[in-house]
C-alpha atoms as a PDB file:
ATOM      1  CA  MET A   1      32.994 -38.735   5.198  1.00  0.00           C
ATOM      2  CA  ASN A   2      31.220 -38.817   1.833  1.00  0.00           C
ATOM      3  CA  TYR A   3      31.030 -41.922  -0.350  1.00  0.00           C
ATOM      4  CA  TYR A   4      30.597 -41.662  -4.113  1.00  0.00           C
ATOM      5  CA  ILE A   5      30.975 -43.389  -7.416  1.00  0.00           C
ATOM      6  CA  ILE A   6      32.203 -40.850  -9.933  1.00  0.00           C
ATOM      7  CA  THR A   7      33.581 -40.928 -13.454  1.00  0.00           C
ATOM      8  CA  THR A   8      37.336 -40.955 -13.963  1.00  0.00           C
ATOM      9  CA  GLU A   9      36.984 -37.501 -15.536  1.00  0.00           C
ATOM     10  CA  VAL A  10      35.488 -36.115 -12.319  1.00  0.00           C
ATOM     11  CA  TYR A  11      38.051 -38.011 -10.266  1.00  0.00           C
ATOM     12  CA  ASN A  12      40.869 -36.299 -12.153  1.00  0.00           C
ATOM     13  CA  THR A  13      39.528 -32.894 -11.048  1.00  0.00           C
ATOM     14  CA  ILE A  14      39.004 -33.472  -7.314  1.00  0.00           C
ATOM     15  CA  ASN A  15      41.465 -32.683  -4.545  1.00  0.00           C
ATOM     16  CA  LYS A  16      43.396 -35.914  -3.928  1.00  0.00           C
ATOM     17  CA  ALA A  17      44.458 -34.711  -0.471  1.00  0.00           C
ATOM     18  CA  ASN A  18      40.836 -35.057   0.673  1.00  0.00           C
ATOM     19  CA  ILE A  19      40.437 -38.681  -0.466  1.00  0.00           C
ATOM     20  CA  ARG A  20      40.608 -41.445   2.112  1.00  0.00           C
ATOM     21  CA  PHE A  21      39.746 -44.474  -0.088  1.00  0.00           C
ATOM     22  CA  ARG A  22      39.889 -44.918  -3.863  1.00  0.00           C
ATOM     23  CA  LEU A  23      39.082 -47.875  -6.110  1.00  0.00           C
ATOM     24  CA  PHE A  24      38.675 -47.889  -9.882  1.00  0.00           C
ATOM     25  CA  ASN A  25      36.153 -50.276 -11.361  1.00  0.00           C
ATOM     26  CA  LEU A  26      37.552 -53.042 -13.564  1.00  0.00           C
ATOM     27  CA  ALA A  27      36.891 -51.035 -16.743  1.00  0.00           C
ATOM     28  CA  LYS A  28      38.710 -48.009 -15.230  1.00  0.00           C
ATOM     29  CA  THR A  29      35.742 -45.801 -16.178  1.00  0.00           C
ATOM     30  CA  ASN A  30      34.350 -45.138 -12.683  1.00  0.00           C
ATOM     31  CA  VAL A  31      35.857 -44.640  -9.262  1.00  0.00           C
ATOM     32  CA  LEU A  32      34.553 -45.409  -5.770  1.00  0.00           C
ATOM     33  CA  VAL A  33      35.880 -42.776  -3.366  1.00  0.00           C
ATOM     34  CA  SER A  34      35.463 -41.739   0.220  1.00  0.00           C
ATOM     35  CA  THR A  35      36.306 -38.084   0.586  1.00  0.00           C
ATOM     36  CA  THR A  36      35.691 -35.079   2.763  1.00  0.00           C
ATOM     37  CA  ASP A  37      34.728 -33.130  -0.363  1.00  0.00           C
ATOM     38  CA  THR A  38      31.170 -32.747  -1.573  1.00  0.00           C
ATOM     39  CA  ILE A  39      30.844 -33.839  -5.189  1.00  0.00           C
ATOM     40  CA  SER A  40      27.994 -32.588  -7.345  1.00  0.00           C
ATOM     41  CA  ASN A  41      26.159 -35.019  -9.610  1.00  0.00           C
ATOM     42  CA  PRO A  42      27.972 -38.284  -8.814  1.00  0.00           C
ATOM     43  CA  ILE A  43      26.930 -41.494 -10.533  1.00  0.00           C
ATOM     44  CA  GLU A  44      26.049 -42.918  -7.096  1.00  0.00           C
ATOM     45  CA  GLU A  45      26.106 -41.459  -3.601  1.00  0.00           C
ATOM     46  CA  PHE A  46      26.070 -43.569  -0.445  1.00  0.00           C
ATOM     47  CA  SER A  47      25.121 -42.706   3.126  1.00  0.00           C
ATOM     48  CA  ASN A  48      27.964 -44.746   4.603  1.00  0.00           C
ATOM     49  CA  SER A  49      30.671 -47.292   3.886  1.00  0.00           C
ATOM     50  CA  THR A  50      28.266 -50.173   4.480  1.00  0.00           C
ATOM     51  CA  ASP A  51      26.040 -49.007   1.632  1.00  0.00           C
ATOM     52  CA  ALA A  52      29.054 -48.488  -0.651  1.00  0.00           C
ATOM     53  CA  SER A  53      30.325 -51.979   0.161  1.00  0.00           C
ATOM     54  CA  THR A  54      26.902 -53.509  -0.474  1.00  0.00           C
ATOM     55  CA  TYR A  55      26.765 -51.784  -3.856  1.00  0.00           C
ATOM     56  CA  THR A  56      30.083 -53.337  -4.897  1.00  0.00           C
ATOM     57  CA  GLN A  57      28.900 -56.744  -3.713  1.00  0.00           C
ATOM     58  CA  THR A  58      25.684 -56.441  -5.717  1.00  0.00           C
ATOM     59  CA  ASN A  59      27.633 -55.212  -8.756  1.00  0.00           C
ATOM     60  CA  LYS A  60      30.786 -57.260  -8.150  1.00  0.00           C
ATOM     61  CA  VAL A  61      31.272 -58.087 -11.817  1.00  0.00           C
ATOM     62  CA  ASP A  62      32.023 -54.380 -12.370  1.00  0.00           C
ATOM     63  CA  TRP A  63      34.266 -53.871  -9.330  1.00  0.00           C
ATOM     64  CA  THR A  64      36.241 -56.991  -8.511  1.00  0.00           C
ATOM     65  CA  ASP A  65      37.278 -60.181 -10.149  1.00  0.00           C
ATOM     66  CA  ASN A  66      37.083 -62.101  -6.874  1.00  0.00           C
ATOM     67  CA  GLY A  67      33.305 -62.583  -6.937  1.00  0.00           C
ATOM     68  CA  TYR A  68      32.720 -60.886  -3.571  1.00  0.00           C
ATOM     69  CA  GLY A  69      32.825 -57.114  -3.902  1.00  0.00           C
ATOM     70  CA  ILE A  70      34.684 -54.749  -1.576  1.00  0.00           C
ATOM     71  CA  PRO A  71      34.435 -55.440   2.167  1.00  0.00           C
ATOM     72  CA  GLN A  72      33.359 -52.529   4.337  1.00  0.00           C
ATOM     73  CA  TRP A  73      36.572 -52.697   6.368  1.00  0.00           C
ATOM     74  CA  ASP A  74      38.589 -52.063   3.172  1.00  0.00           C
ATOM     75  CA  ILE A  75      36.680 -48.838   2.597  1.00  0.00           C
ATOM     76  CA  ASP A  76      37.019 -47.831   6.253  1.00  0.00           C
ATOM     77  CA  PHE A  77      40.654 -48.742   6.883  1.00  0.00           C
ATOM     78  CA  MET A  78      42.629 -48.879   3.635  1.00  0.00           C
ATOM     79  CA  GLU A  79      44.289 -45.494   3.115  1.00  0.00           C
ATOM     80  CA  TYR A  80      44.606 -43.906  -0.290  1.00  0.00           C
ATOM     81  CA  ILE A  81      48.140 -42.756  -1.117  1.00  0.00           C
ATOM     82  CA  PRO A  82      47.980 -39.807  -3.564  1.00  0.00           C
ATOM     83  CA  GLU A  83      51.526 -40.402  -4.785  1.00  0.00           C
ATOM     84  CA  LEU A  84      50.345 -43.632  -6.444  1.00  0.00           C
ATOM     85  CA  ASP A  85      48.380 -41.577  -8.998  1.00  0.00           C
ATOM     86  CA  VAL A  86      51.362 -39.558 -10.151  1.00  0.00           C
END
């Protein structure tokens, strides 16, 4: 699995069937995704879900309004449903 932060413009071009987890930042300008695709030139790239989770905790003001960031288990176990983006 690959873990990225990408712009919404890039997100709109990738294959949604290959996404496992998706979360827009609060401004809706960037997207945290886990995907089987390889994405060129992401804003951020993470080695694993732990690193992605830590990033959202460090930058929680951009990603959540709960003050905690995204737990690793959310990234690992919450499934993206492509039909929600239609």
